[in-house]
Amino acid sequence: MYLPDEKLLLAADALTVVDGELAGPPAGFTPEMETALDSVEGLAALTFESVVCFHGGTVAATAADAAAVADQE
């Protein structure tokens, strides 16, 4: 879910927060990692300042952070 007026992305399980940083989906629970990272690239096209993840909570992060996650995984 994306709330552009609030600059908020509800990423659900598409992204996680690890040690206070935005991270990709956990490999052990993501059988289609390439597809998942393609989805993260799509999320990186949005404008946001905060991300709510089902695993890890809320983190201050931008589209550039999401793009970096997609590139490094």
PDB file of N, CA and C in Angstrom:
ATOM      1  N   MET A   1       0.854  -1.158   0.000  1.00  0.00           N
ATOM      2  CA  MET A   1       0.000   0.000   0.000  1.00  0.00           C
ATOM      3  C   MET A   1       0.907   1.230   0.000  1.00  0.00           C
ATOM      4  N   TYR A   2       0.533   2.201  -0.782  1.00  0.00           N
ATOM      5  CA  TYR A   2       1.317   3.424  -0.912  1.00  0.00           C
ATOM      6  C   TYR A   2       0.426   4.608  -0.599  1.00  0.00           C
ATOM      7  N   LEU A   3       0.863   5.438   0.326  1.00  0.00           N
ATOM      8  CA  LEU A   3       0.131   6.644   0.704  1.00  0.00           C
ATOM      9  C   LEU A   3       0.989   7.846   0.316  1.00  0.00           C
ATOM     10  N   PRO A   4       0.824   8.351  -0.912  1.00  0.00           N
ATOM     11  CA  PRO A   4       1.718   9.402  -1.398  1.00  0.00           C
ATOM     12  C   PRO A   4       1.656  10.697  -0.597  1.00  0.00           C
ATOM     13  N   ASP A   5       0.485  11.082  -0.121  1.00  0.00           N
ATOM     14  CA  ASP A   5       0.384  12.322   0.657  1.00  0.00           C
ATOM     15  C   ASP A   5       1.172  12.238   1.963  1.00  0.00           C
ATOM     16  N   GLU A   6       1.248  11.044   2.526  1.00  0.00           N
ATOM     17  CA  GLU A   6       1.991  10.829   3.762  1.00  0.00           C
ATOM     18  C   GLU A   6       3.441  10.414   3.490  1.00  0.00           C
ATOM     19  N   LYS A   7       3.778  10.190   2.204  1.00  0.00           N
ATOM     20  CA  LYS A   7       5.110   9.709   1.798  1.00  0.00           C
ATOM     21  C   LYS A   7       5.467   8.423   2.542  1.00  0.00           C
ATOM     22  N   LEU A   8       4.478   7.525   2.575  1.00  0.00           N
ATOM     23  CA  LEU A   8       4.591   6.287   3.333  1.00  0.00           C
ATOM     24  C   LEU A   8       4.344   5.079   2.429  1.00  0.00           C
ATOM     25  N   LEU A   9       5.231   4.110   2.541  1.00  0.00           N
ATOM     26  CA  LEU A   9       5.088   2.844   1.826  1.00  0.00           C
ATOM     27  C   LEU A   9       4.866   1.737   2.842  1.00  0.00           C
ATOM     28  N   LEU A  10       3.775   1.008   2.709  1.00  0.00           N
ATOM     29  CA  LEU A  10       3.533  -0.187   3.516  1.00  0.00           C
ATOM     30  C   LEU A  10       4.014  -1.356   2.667  1.00  0.00           C
ATOM     31  N   ALA A  11       5.216  -1.831   2.955  1.00  0.00           N
ATOM     32  CA  ALA A  11       5.874  -2.824   2.108  1.00  0.00           C
ATOM     33  C   ALA A  11       5.484  -4.253   2.432  1.00  0.00           C
ATOM     34  N   ALA A  12       4.789  -4.446   3.532  1.00  0.00           N
ATOM     35  CA  ALA A  12       4.396  -5.797   3.951  1.00  0.00           C
ATOM     36  C   ALA A  12       5.630  -6.687   4.050  1.00  0.00           C
ATOM     37  N   ASP A  13       5.690  -7.776   3.277  1.00  0.00           N
ATOM     38  CA  ASP A  13       6.838  -8.683   3.316  1.00  0.00           C
ATOM     39  C   ASP A  13       7.815  -8.452   2.163  1.00  0.00           C
ATOM     40  N   ALA A  14       7.539  -7.465   1.314  1.00  0.00           N
ATOM     41  CA  ALA A  14       8.431  -7.202   0.176  1.00  0.00           C
ATOM     42  C   ALA A  14       9.795  -6.706   0.642  1.00  0.00           C
ATOM     43  N   LEU A  15       9.804  -6.000   1.754  1.00  0.00           N
ATOM     44  CA  LEU A  15      11.038  -5.496   2.357  1.00  0.00           C
ATOM     45  C   LEU A  15      11.011  -5.822   3.843  1.00  0.00           C
ATOM     46  N   THR A  16      12.168  -5.786   4.466  1.00  0.00           N
ATOM     47  CA  THR A  16      12.274  -6.000   5.909  1.00  0.00           C
ATOM     48  C   THR A  16      13.160  -4.913   6.491  1.00  0.00           C
ATOM     49  N   VAL A  17      13.202  -4.857   7.808  1.00  0.00           N
ATOM     50  CA  VAL A  17      14.117  -3.964   8.507  1.00  0.00           C
ATOM     51  C   VAL A  17      15.032  -4.846   9.352  1.00  0.00           C
ATOM     52  N   VAL A  18      16.340  -4.690   9.140  1.00  0.00           N
ATOM     53  CA  VAL A  18      17.338  -5.449   9.878  1.00  0.00           C
ATOM     54  C   VAL A  18      18.323  -4.463  10.490  1.00  0.00           C
ATOM     55  N   ASP A  19      18.451  -4.506  11.812  1.00  0.00           N
ATOM     56  CA  ASP A  19      19.355  -3.591  12.525  1.00  0.00           C
ATOM     57  C   ASP A  19      19.085  -2.141  12.165  1.00  0.00           C
ATOM     58  N   GLY A  20      17.816  -1.787  12.024  1.00  0.00           N
ATOM     59  CA  GLY A  20      17.430  -0.412  11.762  1.00  0.00           C
ATOM     60  C   GLY A  20      17.613   0.048  10.326  1.00  0.00           C
ATOM     61  N   GLU A  21      17.958  -0.877   9.432  1.00  0.00           N
ATOM     62  CA  GLU A  21      18.188  -0.545   8.023  1.00  0.00           C
ATOM     63  C   GLU A  21      17.220  -1.317   7.128  1.00  0.00           C
ATOM     64  N   LEU A  22      16.843  -0.691   6.032  1.00  0.00           N
ATOM     65  CA  LEU A  22      15.991  -1.367   5.058  1.00  0.00           C
ATOM     66  C   LEU A  22      16.749  -2.526   4.429  1.00  0.00           C
ATOM     67  N   ALA A  23      16.086  -3.660   4.311  1.00  0.00           N
ATOM     68  CA  ALA A  23      16.708  -4.866   3.757  1.00  0.00           C
ATOM     69  C   ALA A  23      15.698  -5.572   2.858  1.00  0.00           C
ATOM     70  N   GLY A  24      16.193  -6.507   2.092  1.00  0.00           N
ATOM     71  CA  GLY A  24      15.336  -7.261   1.185  1.00  0.00           C
ATOM     72  C   GLY A  24      14.566  -8.349   1.900  1.00  0.00           C
ATOM     73  N   PRO A  25      13.788  -9.072   1.130  1.00  0.00           N
ATOM     74  CA  PRO A  25      13.020 -10.176   1.716  1.00  0.00           C
ATOM     75  C   PRO A  25      13.969 -11.281   2.177  1.00  0.00           C
ATOM     76  N   PRO A  26      13.611 -12.003   3.229  1.00  0.00           N
ATOM     77  CA  PRO A  26      14.491 -13.072   3.727  1.00  0.00           C
ATOM     78  C   PRO A  26      14.573 -14.238   2.742  1.00  0.00           C
ATOM     79  N   ALA A  27      15.791 -14.618   2.415  1.00  0.00           N
ATOM     80  CA  ALA A  27      16.017 -15.665   1.409  1.00  0.00           C
ATOM     81  C   ALA A  27      15.337 -16.984   1.772  1.00  0.00           C
ATOM     82  N   GLY A  28      15.350 -17.351   3.036  1.00  0.00           N
ATOM     83  CA  GLY A  28      14.768 -18.616   3.461  1.00  0.00           C
ATOM     84  C   GLY A  28      13.273 -18.708   3.277  1.00  0.00           C
ATOM     85  N   PHE A  29      12.622 -17.566   3.113  1.00  0.00           N
ATOM     86  CA  PHE A  29      11.168 -17.538   2.965  1.00  0.00           C
ATOM     87  C   PHE A  29      10.735 -16.959   1.614  1.00  0.00           C
ATOM     88  N   THR A  30      11.695 -16.805   0.697  1.00  0.00           N
ATOM     89  CA  THR A  30      11.405 -16.187  -0.597  1.00  0.00           C
ATOM     90  C   THR A  30      11.884 -17.113  -1.716  1.00  0.00           C
ATOM     91  N   PRO A  31      11.029 -18.051  -2.126  1.00  0.00           N
ATOM     92  CA  PRO A  31      11.454 -19.026  -3.133  1.00  0.00           C
ATOM     93  C   PRO A  31      11.709 -18.412  -4.511  1.00  0.00           C
ATOM     94  N   GLU A  32      11.101 -17.295  -4.806  1.00  0.00           N
ATOM     95  CA  GLU A  32      11.270 -16.622  -6.106  1.00  0.00           C
ATOM     96  C   GLU A  32      11.984 -15.290  -5.877  1.00  0.00           C
ATOM     97  N   MET A  33      13.241 -15.341  -5.439  1.00  0.00           N
ATOM     98  CA  MET A  33      13.956 -14.121  -5.075  1.00  0.00           C
ATOM     99  C   MET A  33      14.067 -13.139  -6.242  1.00  0.00           C
ATOM    100  N   GLU A  34      14.330 -13.629  -7.427  1.00  0.00           N
ATOM    101  CA  GLU A  34      14.454 -12.713  -8.572  1.00  0.00           C
ATOM    102  C   GLU A  34      13.158 -11.929  -8.793  1.00  0.00           C
ATOM    103  N   THR A  35      12.034 -12.614  -8.687  1.00  0.00           N
ATOM    104  CA  THR A  35      10.738 -11.960  -8.832  1.00  0.00           C
ATOM    105  C   THR A  35      10.507 -10.963  -7.701  1.00  0.00           C
ATOM    106  N   ALA A  36      10.876 -11.347  -6.496  1.00  0.00           N
ATOM    107  CA  ALA A  36      10.710 -10.456  -5.346  1.00  0.00           C
ATOM    108  C   ALA A  36      11.538  -9.187  -5.524  1.00  0.00           C
ATOM    109  N   LEU A  37      12.763  -9.324  -5.995  1.00  0.00           N
ATOM    110  CA  LEU A  37      13.622  -8.152  -6.185  1.00  0.00           C
ATOM    111  C   LEU A  37      13.132  -7.286  -7.337  1.00  0.00           C
ATOM    112  N   ASP A  38      12.515  -7.887  -8.328  1.00  0.00           N
ATOM    113  CA  ASP A  38      11.877  -7.097  -9.380  1.00  0.00           C
ATOM    114  C   ASP A  38      10.764  -6.236  -8.788  1.00  0.00           C
ATOM    115  N   SER A  39      10.035  -6.794  -7.840  1.00  0.00           N
ATOM    116  CA  SER A  39       8.983  -6.037  -7.159  1.00  0.00           C
ATOM    117  C   SER A  39       9.570  -4.883  -6.358  1.00  0.00           C
ATOM    118  N   VAL A  40      10.694  -5.133  -5.700  1.00  0.00           N
ATOM    119  CA  VAL A  40      11.363  -4.074  -4.934  1.00  0.00           C
ATOM    120  C   VAL A  40      11.788  -2.945  -5.878  1.00  0.00           C
ATOM    121  N   GLU A  41      12.276  -3.293  -7.056  1.00  0.00           N
ATOM    122  CA  GLU A  41      12.624  -2.265  -8.041  1.00  0.00           C
ATOM    123  C   GLU A  41      11.406  -1.426  -8.398  1.00  0.00           C
ATOM    124  N   GLY A  42      10.260  -2.058  -8.515  1.00  0.00           N
ATOM    125  CA  GLY A  42       9.026  -1.324  -8.791  1.00  0.00           C
ATOM    126  C   GLY A  42       8.665  -0.379  -7.658  1.00  0.00           C
ATOM    127  N   LEU A  43       8.859  -0.821  -6.435  1.00  0.00           N
ATOM    128  CA  LEU A  43       8.587   0.044  -5.283  1.00  0.00           C
ATOM    129  C   LEU A  43       9.532   1.240  -5.260  1.00  0.00           C
ATOM    130  N   ALA A  44      10.747   1.036  -5.762  1.00  0.00           N
ATOM    131  CA  ALA A  44      11.741   2.115  -5.780  1.00  0.00           C
ATOM    132  C   ALA A  44      11.349   3.238  -6.738  1.00  0.00           C
ATOM    133  N   ALA A  45      10.356   3.013  -7.568  1.00  0.00           N
ATOM    134  CA  ALA A  45       9.877   4.061  -8.472  1.00  0.00           C
ATOM    135  C   ALA A  45       8.939   5.042  -7.765  1.00  0.00           C
ATOM    136  N   LEU A  46       8.538   4.720  -6.550  1.00  0.00           N
ATOM    137  CA  LEU A  46       7.633   5.573  -5.778  1.00  0.00           C
ATOM    138  C   LEU A  46       8.427   6.585  -4.959  1.00  0.00           C
ATOM    139  N   THR A  47       7.746   7.628  -4.517  1.00  0.00           N
ATOM    140  CA  THR A  47       8.373   8.644  -3.656  1.00  0.00           C
ATOM    141  C   THR A  47       7.878   8.441  -2.232  1.00  0.00           C
ATOM    142  N   PHE A  48       8.796   8.128  -1.324  1.00  0.00           N
ATOM    143  CA  PHE A  48       8.416   7.922   0.079  1.00  0.00           C
ATOM    144  C   PHE A  48       9.573   8.297   0.992  1.00  0.00           C
ATOM    145  N   GLU A  49       9.236   8.494   2.256  1.00  0.00           N
ATOM    146  CA  GLU A  49      10.226   8.830   3.275  1.00  0.00           C
ATOM    147  C   GLU A  49      10.236   7.836   4.424  1.00  0.00           C
ATOM    148  N   SER A  50       9.184   7.021   4.510  1.00  0.00           N
ATOM    149  CA  SER A  50       9.087   5.995   5.554  1.00  0.00           C
ATOM    150  C   SER A  50       8.533   4.719   4.948  1.00  0.00           C
ATOM    151  N   VAL A  51       9.007   3.597   5.490  1.00  0.00           N
ATOM    152  CA  VAL A  51       8.545   2.289   5.040  1.00  0.00           C
ATOM    153  C   VAL A  51       8.121   1.485   6.264  1.00  0.00           C
ATOM    154  N   VAL A  52       6.932   0.891   6.190  1.00  0.00           N
ATOM    155  CA  VAL A  52       6.463  -0.011   7.227  1.00  0.00           C
ATOM    156  C   VAL A  52       6.591  -1.432   6.684  1.00  0.00           C
ATOM    157  N   CYS A  53       7.373  -2.243   7.384  1.00  0.00           N
ATOM    158  CA  CYS A  53       7.589  -3.640   6.995  1.00  0.00           C
ATOM    159  C   CYS A  53       6.959  -4.546   8.048  1.00  0.00           C
ATOM    160  N   PHE A  54       6.395  -5.653   7.600  1.00  0.00           N
ATOM    161  CA  PHE A  54       5.803  -6.586   8.553  1.00  0.00           C
ATOM    162  C   PHE A  54       6.861  -7.223   9.447  1.00  0.00           C
ATOM    163  N   HIS A  55       8.096  -7.286   8.972  1.00  0.00           N
ATOM    164  CA  HIS A  55       9.193  -7.843   9.766  1.00  0.00           C
ATOM    165  C   HIS A  55      10.237  -6.758   9.982  1.00  0.00           C
ATOM    166  N   GLY A  56      10.224  -6.177  11.161  1.00  0.00           N
ATOM    167  CA  GLY A  56      11.199  -5.152  11.495  1.00  0.00           C
ATOM    168  C   GLY A  56      10.607  -3.809  11.821  1.00  0.00           C
ATOM    169  N   GLY A  57       9.370  -3.573  11.427  1.00  0.00           N
ATOM    170  CA  GLY A  57       8.713  -2.331  11.803  1.00  0.00           C
ATOM    171  C   GLY A  57       8.884  -1.219  10.790  1.00  0.00           C
ATOM    172  N   THR A  58       8.960   0.007  11.307  1.00  0.00           N
ATOM    173  CA  THR A  58       9.019   1.203  10.476  1.00  0.00           C
ATOM    174  C   THR A  58      10.433   1.744  10.445  1.00  0.00           C
ATOM    175  N   VAL A  59      10.833   2.217   9.269  1.00  0.00           N
ATOM    176  CA  VAL A  59      12.171   2.770   9.100  1.00  0.00           C
ATOM    177  C   VAL A  59      12.082   3.992   8.189  1.00  0.00           C
ATOM    178  N   ALA A  60      12.912   4.987   8.474  1.00  0.00           N
ATOM    179  CA  ALA A  60      13.042   6.130   7.571  1.00  0.00           C
ATOM    180  C   ALA A  60      13.866   5.652   6.383  1.00  0.00           C
ATOM    181  N   ALA A  61      13.267   5.650   5.200  1.00  0.00           N
ATOM    182  CA  ALA A  61      13.952   5.156   4.002  1.00  0.00           C
ATOM    183  C   ALA A  61      13.318   5.799   2.781  1.00  0.00           C
ATOM    184  N   THR A  62      14.095   5.878   1.715  1.00  0.00           N
ATOM    185  CA  THR A  62      13.630   6.493   0.477  1.00  0.00           C
ATOM    186  C   THR A  62      13.669   5.477  -0.663  1.00  0.00           C
ATOM    187  N   ALA A  63      13.219   5.924  -1.814  1.00  0.00           N
ATOM    188  CA  ALA A  63      13.266   5.078  -3.000  1.00  0.00           C
ATOM    189  C   ALA A  63      14.695   4.670  -3.326  1.00  0.00           C
ATOM    190  N   ALA A  64      15.651   5.561  -3.088  1.00  0.00           N
ATOM    191  CA  ALA A  64      17.064   5.223  -3.335  1.00  0.00           C
ATOM    192  C   ALA A  64      17.504   4.073  -2.450  1.00  0.00           C
ATOM    193  N   ASP A  65      17.014   4.029  -1.214  1.00  0.00           N
ATOM    194  CA  ASP A  65      17.345   2.923  -0.316  1.00  0.00           C
ATOM    195  C   ASP A  65      16.763   1.610  -0.847  1.00  0.00           C
ATOM    196  N   ALA A  66      15.539   1.661  -1.335  1.00  0.00           N
ATOM    197  CA  ALA A  66      14.911   0.463  -1.895  1.00  0.00           C
ATOM    198  C   ALA A  66      15.669   0.000  -3.138  1.00  0.00           C
ATOM    199  N   ALA A  67      16.072   0.943  -3.980  1.00  0.00           N
ATOM    200  CA  ALA A  67      16.828   0.588  -5.186  1.00  0.00           C
ATOM    201  C   ALA A  67      18.164  -0.072  -4.812  1.00  0.00           C
ATOM    202  N   ALA A  68      18.797   0.435  -3.772  1.00  0.00           N
ATOM    203  CA  ALA A  68      20.062  -0.160  -3.320  1.00  0.00           C
ATOM    204  C   ALA A  68      19.856  -1.588  -2.821  1.00  0.00           C
ATOM    205  N   VAL A  69      18.745  -1.831  -2.152  1.00  0.00           N
ATOM    206  CA  VAL A  69      18.424  -3.187  -1.695  1.00  0.00           C
ATOM    207  C   VAL A  69      18.255  -4.106  -2.901  1.00  0.00           C
ATOM    208  N   ALA A  70      17.527  -3.653  -3.898  1.00  0.00           N
ATOM    209  CA  ALA A  70      17.293  -4.480  -5.083  1.00  0.00           C
ATOM    210  C   ALA A  70      18.603  -4.786  -5.806  1.00  0.00           C
ATOM    211  N   ASP A  71      19.521  -3.850  -5.797  1.00  0.00           N
ATOM    212  CA  ASP A  71      20.798  -4.032  -6.501  1.00  0.00           C
ATOM    213  C   ASP A  71      21.777  -4.941  -5.765  1.00  0.00           C
ATOM    214  N   GLN A  72      21.723  -4.940  -4.437  1.00  0.00           N
ATOM    215  CA  GLN A  72      22.723  -5.693  -3.688  1.00  0.00           C
ATOM    216  C   GLN A  72      22.333  -7.127  -3.380  1.00  0.00           C
ATOM    217  N   GLU A  73      21.077  -7.437  -3.472  1.00  0.00           N
ATOM    218  CA  GLU A  73      20.613  -8.783  -3.114  1.00  0.00           C
ATOM    219  C   GLU A  73      20.987  -9.788  -4.173  1.00  0.00           C
TER     220      GLU A  73
END
